[in-house]
């Protein structure tokens, strides 16, 4: 029940995003495609699960690569939308996404403080 709520619950201000949500529960059901690493995020070591989006991994669908999957990215709400815009645009270019700067948008939803 909690899993269904996590997938379905979303603030109405974000209805335009129609995002994908991936819930991975390796203790319930694992996948040989998903790899994990221990990474430090904000000073906290944690397990980070990684989805291969290069289409070249053995066993993955060939159309599972970022340039084919990616539609757009909406940034926000955040204090630093333009710095994030630049960073994400550059990362998407490096990942092979064509016209990356035309696919990154800044949300006009105000940040709560």
Protein backbone atom coordinates (compact mmCIF):
# COMPACT_ATOMS: atom_id res chain seq x y z
CA UNK A 1 0.00 0.00 0.00
CA UNK A 2 2.84 2.41 0.81
CA UNK A 3 4.45 1.57 -2.52
CA UNK A 4 1.25 2.46 -4.42
CA UNK A 5 0.97 5.76 -2.52
CA UNK A 6 4.58 6.72 -3.32
CA UNK A 7 3.99 6.10 -7.01
CA UNK A 8 0.65 7.93 -7.16
CA UNK A 9 1.07 10.85 -4.71
CA UNK A 10 2.09 14.10 -6.34
CA UNK A 11 1.45 17.76 -5.65
CA UNK A 12 -1.08 19.16 -8.16
CA UNK A 13 1.36 21.92 -9.15
CA UNK A 14 3.46 19.27 -10.85
CA UNK A 15 0.72 17.71 -13.00
CA UNK A 16 2.33 18.99 -16.22
CA UNK A 17 5.43 16.92 -15.70
CA UNK A 18 3.97 13.45 -16.35
CA UNK A 19 7.18 12.04 -14.92
CA UNK A 20 8.35 8.49 -14.79
CA UNK A 21 8.95 7.07 -11.35
CA UNK A 22 11.04 3.99 -10.92
CA UNK A 23 10.66 2.10 -7.68
CA UNK A 24 13.37 -0.49 -7.17
CA UNK A 25 13.11 -2.85 -4.20
CA UNK A 26 16.02 -5.28 -4.51
CA UNK A 27 15.03 -7.15 -1.33
CA UNK A 28 11.61 -7.87 -2.85
CA UNK A 29 12.66 -8.36 -6.47
CA UNK A 30 16.13 -7.73 -7.87
CA UNK A 31 17.31 -7.22 -11.44
CA UNK A 32 20.66 -8.16 -12.99
CA UNK A 33 20.50 -4.92 -15.02
CA UNK A 34 20.51 -2.64 -11.96
CA UNK A 35 23.94 -2.02 -10.46
CA UNK A 36 24.66 -0.44 -7.10
CA UNK A 37 27.48 1.60 -5.61
CA UNK A 38 28.08 3.15 -2.23
CA UNK A 39 28.30 6.91 -2.74
CA UNK A 40 28.52 9.83 -0.36
CA UNK A 41 25.63 12.26 -0.88
CA UNK A 42 25.66 15.39 1.29
CA UNK A 43 28.17 13.71 3.58
CA UNK A 44 26.04 10.57 4.05
CA UNK A 45 27.26 7.23 2.67
CA UNK A 46 24.39 5.42 0.98
CA UNK A 47 23.64 2.78 -1.61
CA UNK A 48 22.79 4.27 -5.00
CA UNK A 49 21.12 2.04 -7.60
CA UNK A 50 21.91 2.81 -11.23
CA UNK A 51 19.77 2.13 -14.28
CA UNK A 52 21.81 1.58 -17.46
CA UNK A 53 20.68 4.08 -20.07
CA UNK A 54 23.23 3.39 -22.76
CA UNK A 55 21.43 0.56 -24.58
CA UNK A 56 24.68 -1.41 -24.80
CA UNK A 57 24.50 -3.46 -21.61
CA UNK A 58 23.97 -7.18 -22.11
CA UNK A 59 20.32 -8.07 -21.60
CA UNK A 60 18.99 -4.52 -21.81
CA UNK A 61 16.55 -3.46 -24.53
CA UNK A 62 18.42 -1.75 -27.37
CA UNK A 63 16.12 1.29 -27.23
CA UNK A 64 16.98 1.82 -23.55
CA UNK A 65 19.37 4.69 -24.06
CA UNK A 66 19.06 8.26 -22.89
CA UNK A 67 18.96 10.05 -26.28
CA UNK A 68 15.99 7.88 -27.32
CA UNK A 69 14.15 8.07 -24.00
CA UNK A 70 14.69 11.68 -23.03
CA UNK A 71 11.91 14.18 -23.77
CA UNK A 72 12.53 17.16 -21.45
CA UNK A 73 13.71 18.15 -18.02
CA UNK A 74 11.90 20.62 -15.77
CA UNK A 75 14.02 22.21 -13.05
CA UNK A 76 12.51 23.45 -9.83
CA UNK A 77 11.44 24.69 -7.57
CA UNK A 78 14.97 25.55 -6.47
CA UNK A 79 17.06 28.50 -5.33
CA UNK A 80 19.53 28.11 -8.19
CA UNK A 81 17.56 27.26 -11.35
CA UNK A 82 19.94 28.84 -13.87
CA UNK A 83 23.06 27.20 -12.48
CA UNK A 84 21.19 23.88 -12.63
CA UNK A 85 20.00 24.68 -16.16
CA UNK A 86 23.61 25.09 -17.31
CA UNK A 87 24.80 21.95 -15.49
CA UNK A 88 21.98 19.72 -16.76
CA UNK A 89 22.26 21.05 -20.30
CA UNK A 90 25.97 20.23 -20.35
CA UNK A 91 25.41 16.76 -18.86
CA UNK A 92 22.71 15.99 -21.44
CA UNK A 93 24.97 17.14 -24.29
CA UNK A 94 27.71 14.85 -23.01
CA UNK A 95 25.18 11.99 -22.86
CA UNK A 96 24.37 12.50 -26.55
CA UNK A 97 20.95 14.14 -26.21
CA UNK A 98 20.42 16.29 -29.31
CA UNK A 99 19.34 19.93 -28.82
CA UNK A 100 19.78 19.57 -25.06
CA UNK A 101 19.37 23.27 -24.26
CA UNK A 102 15.95 23.26 -25.96
CA UNK A 103 14.78 20.39 -23.74
CA UNK A 104 15.61 21.89 -20.33
CA UNK A 105 13.04 24.18 -18.72
CA UNK A 106 12.85 26.11 -15.45
CA UNK A 107 9.62 25.64 -13.47
CA UNK A 108 7.72 28.73 -12.40
CA UNK A 109 6.43 27.03 -9.24
CA UNK A 110 7.71 29.08 -6.29
CA UNK A 111 10.13 27.50 -3.85
CA UNK A 112 8.85 27.00 -0.31
CA UNK A 113 11.17 28.14 2.43
